[in-house]
Amino acid sequence: MPLCGGSKTTQRKLVLLGDGASGKTSLLNVFTRGYFPTVYEPTVFENYVHDIFVDNVHIELSLWDTAGQEEFDRLRSLSYDDTHAIM
């Protein structure tokens, strides 16, 4: 989707992996919303979209927050398709 001025948008998908309570959701909250949550709430699956500019190129980041608990191991792999980066 072009922005004003005709610049092209590049879409990228980033999946966060890690153990439960390791800070994946907190990291995404700081990056996308500018605050660090003080209460721990386990995540099953959450998706954020955040716009950034790198060298005047608009990048639409799709940030996938996965569950770290073992009982969600089978669900986690469903987020891997079309992923550009895993952290």
C-alpha atoms as a PDB file:
ATOM      1  CA  MET A   1       0.000   0.000   0.000  1.00  0.00           C
ATOM      2  CA  PRO A   2       1.644   3.279  -1.066  1.00  0.00           C
ATOM      3  CA  LEU A   3       1.925   6.146   1.372  1.00  0.00           C
ATOM      4  CA  CYS A   4       1.489   9.805   0.558  1.00  0.00           C
ATOM      5  CA  GLY A   5       4.063  10.858  -1.981  1.00  0.00           C
ATOM      6  CA  GLY A   6       3.963   7.536  -3.824  1.00  0.00           C
ATOM      7  CA  SER A   7       6.533   5.685  -1.722  1.00  0.00           C
ATOM      8  CA  LYS A   8       6.228   1.922  -1.706  1.00  0.00           C
ATOM      9  CA  THR A   9       5.582  -0.111   1.428  1.00  0.00           C
ATOM     10  CA  THR A  10       7.698  -3.166   2.153  1.00  0.00           C
ATOM     11  CA  GLN A  11       6.096  -5.793   4.378  1.00  0.00           C
ATOM     12  CA  ARG A  12       8.169  -7.960   6.696  1.00  0.00           C
ATOM     13  CA  LYS A  13       7.207 -10.605   9.241  1.00  0.00           C
ATOM     14  CA  LEU A  14       9.140 -11.131  12.487  1.00  0.00           C
ATOM     15  CA  VAL A  15       8.334 -13.997  14.864  1.00  0.00           C
ATOM     16  CA  LEU A  16       9.468 -13.872  18.498  1.00  0.00           C
ATOM     17  CA  LEU A  17      10.301 -17.221  20.107  1.00  0.00           C
ATOM     18  CA  GLY A  18      11.334 -18.005  23.658  1.00  0.00           C
ATOM     19  CA  ASP A  19      10.383 -19.618  26.927  1.00  0.00           C
ATOM     20  CA  GLY A  20       7.338 -18.480  28.856  1.00  0.00           C
ATOM     21  CA  ALA A  21       7.952 -15.322  30.923  1.00  0.00           C
ATOM     22  CA  SER A  22      11.176 -14.533  29.005  1.00  0.00           C
ATOM     23  CA  GLY A  23      10.003 -11.037  27.984  1.00  0.00           C
ATOM     24  CA  LYS A  24       8.803 -11.470  24.382  1.00  0.00           C
ATOM     25  CA  THR A  25       5.535  -9.601  24.933  1.00  0.00           C
ATOM     26  CA  SER A  26       7.240  -6.948  27.067  1.00  0.00           C
ATOM     27  CA  LEU A  27       9.788  -6.319  24.308  1.00  0.00           C
ATOM     28  CA  LEU A  28       7.013  -5.877  21.744  1.00  0.00           C
ATOM     29  CA  ASN A  29       5.086  -3.543  24.053  1.00  0.00           C
ATOM     30  CA  VAL A  30       8.132  -1.317  24.521  1.00  0.00           C
ATOM     31  CA  PHE A  31       8.829  -1.277  20.777  1.00  0.00           C
ATOM     32  CA  THR A  32       5.255  -0.710  19.553  1.00  0.00           C
ATOM     33  CA  ARG A  33       3.595   1.158  22.423  1.00  0.00           C
ATOM     34  CA  GLY A  34       6.447   2.723  24.341  1.00  0.00           C
ATOM     35  CA  TYR A  35       5.733   1.170  27.736  1.00  0.00           C
ATOM     36  CA  PHE A  36       6.910  -1.794  29.789  1.00  0.00           C
ATOM     37  CA  PRO A  37       4.063  -3.839  31.284  1.00  0.00           C
ATOM     38  CA  THR A  38       4.350  -4.395  35.032  1.00  0.00           C
ATOM     39  CA  VAL A  39       1.946  -7.346  35.252  1.00  0.00           C
ATOM     40  CA  TYR A  40       2.739 -10.726  33.690  1.00  0.00           C
ATOM     41  CA  GLU A  41      -0.029 -12.183  31.541  1.00  0.00           C
ATOM     42  CA  PRO A  42       0.865 -15.319  29.554  1.00  0.00           C
ATOM     43  CA  THR A  43       0.419 -14.968  25.792  1.00  0.00           C
ATOM     44  CA  VAL A  44      -1.103 -17.671  23.608  1.00  0.00           C
ATOM     45  CA  PHE A  45      -0.743 -15.749  20.366  1.00  0.00           C
ATOM     46  CA  GLU A  46      -0.671 -12.056  19.550  1.00  0.00           C
ATOM     47  CA  ASN A  47       0.043 -10.124  16.374  1.00  0.00           C
ATOM     48  CA  TYR A  48       1.173  -6.493  16.201  1.00  0.00           C
ATOM     49  CA  VAL A  49       1.659  -4.328  13.125  1.00  0.00           C
ATOM     50  CA  HIS A  50       4.171  -1.500  13.429  1.00  0.00           C
ATOM     51  CA  ASP A  51       5.358   0.967  10.774  1.00  0.00           C
ATOM     52  CA  ILE A  52       9.002   2.010  10.625  1.00  0.00           C
ATOM     53  CA  PHE A  53      11.180   3.873   8.129  1.00  0.00           C
ATOM     54  CA  VAL A  54      14.676   2.687   7.229  1.00  0.00           C
ATOM     55  CA  ASP A  55      16.666   4.805   4.755  1.00  0.00           C
ATOM     56  CA  ASN A  56      13.410   6.559   3.781  1.00  0.00           C
ATOM     57  CA  VAL A  57      11.736   3.229   2.967  1.00  0.00           C
ATOM     58  CA  HIS A  58       8.426   2.505   4.680  1.00  0.00           C
ATOM     59  CA  ILE A  59       8.438  -0.947   6.279  1.00  0.00           C
ATOM     60  CA  GLU A  60       5.292  -2.476   7.702  1.00  0.00           C
ATOM     61  CA  LEU A  61       6.429  -4.942  10.361  1.00  0.00           C
ATOM     62  CA  SER A  62       4.110  -7.775  11.267  1.00  0.00           C
ATOM     63  CA  LEU A  63       5.315  -8.833  14.721  1.00  0.00           C
ATOM     64  CA  TRP A  64       4.150 -12.255  15.889  1.00  0.00           C
ATOM     65  CA  ASP A  65       4.275 -12.958  19.617  1.00  0.00           C
ATOM     66  CA  THR A  66       4.221 -16.697  20.318  1.00  0.00           C
ATOM     67  CA  ALA A  67       3.432 -18.639  23.481  1.00  0.00           C
ATOM     68  CA  GLY A  68       6.480 -19.930  25.329  1.00  0.00           C
ATOM     69  CA  GLN A  69       4.695 -22.550  27.396  1.00  0.00           C
ATOM     70  CA  GLU A  70       5.275 -26.193  26.390  1.00  0.00           C
ATOM     71  CA  GLU A  71       1.574 -26.922  25.969  1.00  0.00           C
ATOM     72  CA  PHE A  72       1.557 -24.582  22.936  1.00  0.00           C
ATOM     73  CA  ASP A  73       4.503 -26.202  21.107  1.00  0.00           C
ATOM     74  CA  ARG A  74       2.277 -27.494  18.302  1.00  0.00           C
ATOM     75  CA  LEU A  75       0.645 -24.095  17.731  1.00  0.00           C
ATOM     76  CA  ARG A  76       3.951 -22.231  17.581  1.00  0.00           C
ATOM     77  CA  SER A  77       5.050 -23.798  14.298  1.00  0.00           C
ATOM     78  CA  LEU A  78       1.912 -22.445  12.589  1.00  0.00           C
ATOM     79  CA  SER A  79       3.446 -18.959  12.767  1.00  0.00           C
ATOM     80  CA  TYR A  80       6.568 -19.846  10.741  1.00  0.00           C
ATOM     81  CA  ASP A  81       5.144 -19.575   7.191  1.00  0.00           C
ATOM     82  CA  ASP A  82       6.335 -16.527   5.222  1.00  0.00           C
ATOM     83  CA  THR A  83       8.554 -15.353   8.100  1.00  0.00           C
ATOM     84  CA  HIS A  84      11.448 -13.031   7.220  1.00  0.00           C
ATOM     85  CA  ALA A  85      13.157 -13.097  10.634  1.00  0.00           C
ATOM     86  CA  ILE A  86      12.977 -15.016  13.904  1.00  0.00           C
ATOM     87  CA  MET A  87      14.166 -13.549  17.163  1.00  0.00           C
END
